[in-house]
Protein backbone atom coordinates (compact mmCIF):
# COMPACT_ATOMS: atom_id res chain seq x y z
CA MET A 1 31.58 90.63 -46.40
CA LYS A 2 31.04 86.90 -46.83
CA ASN A 3 34.35 86.55 -48.68
CA PHE A 4 36.21 88.33 -45.85
CA SER A 5 34.69 86.14 -43.13
CA THR A 6 35.60 83.02 -45.15
CA LYS A 7 39.20 84.21 -45.33
CA ILE A 8 39.24 84.80 -41.56
CA VAL A 9 37.87 81.31 -40.87
CA VAL A 10 40.41 79.71 -43.21
CA ALA A 11 43.29 81.68 -41.65
CA LEU A 12 42.14 80.77 -38.14
CA ALA A 13 41.80 77.10 -39.08
CA ALA A 14 45.28 77.08 -40.64
CA THR A 15 46.76 78.69 -37.53
CA LEU A 16 45.08 76.22 -35.19
CA ALA A 17 46.06 73.27 -37.38
CA ALA A 18 49.72 74.36 -37.48
CA ALA A 19 50.14 74.55 -33.68
CA PRO A 20 49.87 70.78 -33.06
CA ALA A 21 52.29 70.15 -35.91
CA PHE A 22 54.94 72.28 -34.20
CA ALA A 23 54.17 70.69 -30.83
CA GLN A 24 54.75 67.24 -32.35
CA ASP A 25 58.40 68.09 -33.05
CA ALA A 26 58.98 68.88 -29.39
CA ALA A 27 57.36 65.61 -28.32
CA VAL A 28 59.60 63.64 -30.66
CA ALA A 29 62.69 65.35 -29.27
CA ASN A 30 61.66 64.46 -25.72
CA SER A 31 60.86 60.87 -26.63
CA ASP A 32 64.44 60.38 -27.90
CA LYS A 33 65.75 61.06 -24.40
CA GLY A 34 63.32 58.48 -23.04
CA LEU A 35 64.48 55.90 -25.55
CA VAL A 36 68.12 56.59 -24.68
CA SER A 37 67.29 56.12 -21.00
CA ILE A 38 65.57 52.82 -21.73
CA ALA A 39 68.57 51.71 -23.80
CA ALA A 40 70.94 52.65 -20.97
CA ALA A 41 68.84 50.71 -18.48
CA LEU A 42 68.81 47.65 -20.73
CA ALA A 43 72.56 47.92 -21.28
CA ILE A 44 73.36 47.97 -17.57
CA GLY A 45 70.88 45.17 -16.95
CA LEU A 46 72.46 42.94 -19.58
CA ALA A 47 75.96 43.81 -18.38
CA ALA A 48 75.06 42.97 -14.79
CA PHE A 49 73.44 39.70 -15.88
CA GLY A 50 76.43 38.73 -18.01
CA GLY A 51 78.86 39.68 -15.25
CA ALA A 52 76.94 37.66 -12.67
CA MET A 53 76.88 34.62 -14.93
CA ALA A 54 80.62 34.90 -15.62
CA GLN A 55 81.47 35.36 -11.95
CA GLY A 56 79.35 32.38 -11.01
CA LYS A 57 81.03 30.19 -13.62
CA ALA A 58 84.53 31.36 -12.55
CA ALA A 59 83.82 30.76 -8.87
CA ALA A 60 82.27 27.36 -9.55
CA SER A 61 85.24 26.28 -11.66
CA ALA A 62 87.72 27.49 -9.04
CA LEU A 63 85.90 25.74 -6.22
CA ASP A 64 85.69 22.57 -8.31
CA GLY A 65 89.44 22.72 -8.89
CA ILE A 66 90.14 23.34 -5.20
CA SER A 67 87.88 20.48 -4.15
CA ARG A 68 89.66 18.09 -6.51
CA ASN A 69 93.13 19.20 -5.40
CA PRO A 70 93.15 21.10 -2.07
CA ALA A 71 96.94 21.54 -2.24
CA ALA A 72 96.53 23.80 -5.31
CA SER A 73 94.17 26.24 -3.60
CA GLY A 74 96.84 28.95 -3.39
CA LYS A 75 97.58 28.69 -7.10
CA ILE A 76 93.88 28.75 -8.01
CA LEU A 77 92.66 31.45 -5.64
CA THR A 78 94.84 34.32 -6.90
CA PRO A 79 93.95 34.02 -10.62
CA MET A 80 90.30 33.60 -9.64
CA ILE A 81 90.30 36.87 -7.66
CA ILE A 82 92.02 38.70 -10.54
CA GLY A 83 89.49 37.26 -13.01
CA LEU A 84 86.57 38.29 -10.81
CA ALA A 85 87.98 41.82 -10.54
CA LEU A 86 88.30 42.07 -14.33
CA ILE A 87 84.76 40.79 -14.83
CA GLU A 88 83.46 43.32 -12.31
CA SER A 89 85.38 46.13 -14.01
CA LEU A 90 83.51 45.44 -17.25
CA VAL A 91 80.21 45.81 -15.41
CA ILE A 92 81.41 49.09 -13.88
CA TYR A 93 82.38 50.35 -17.35
CA ALA A 94 78.87 49.51 -18.57
CA LEU A 95 77.43 51.42 -15.61
CA LEU A 96 79.55 54.48 -16.42
CA ILE A 97 78.48 54.40 -20.07
CA ALA A 98 74.82 54.04 -19.09
CA LEU A 99 75.11 56.97 -16.69
CA ARG A 100 76.81 59.03 -19.40
CA LEU A 101 74.02 58.27 -21.89
CA SER A 102 71.17 59.23 -19.58
């Protein structure tokens, strides 16, 4: 009888020890989604920061050029607006990729 009860205790201990091991796999799978979400948030943050810095530099350079030569404002304004639109489109692409990842 003692041998049988030892086998039952060992089987019960093995069953209880295996359950957390299987639960760990599910937790790892869920943590990958969290890491992807964090990566997407960092990507859009860096893209927005880079876009803001580029737009600020483009606007500052255009305004500097206009202040030095006001007669050239028409020739400077159009390329500046096109450049700002292209910079903003890169940030929008980063947003779309981040939304697709999460």
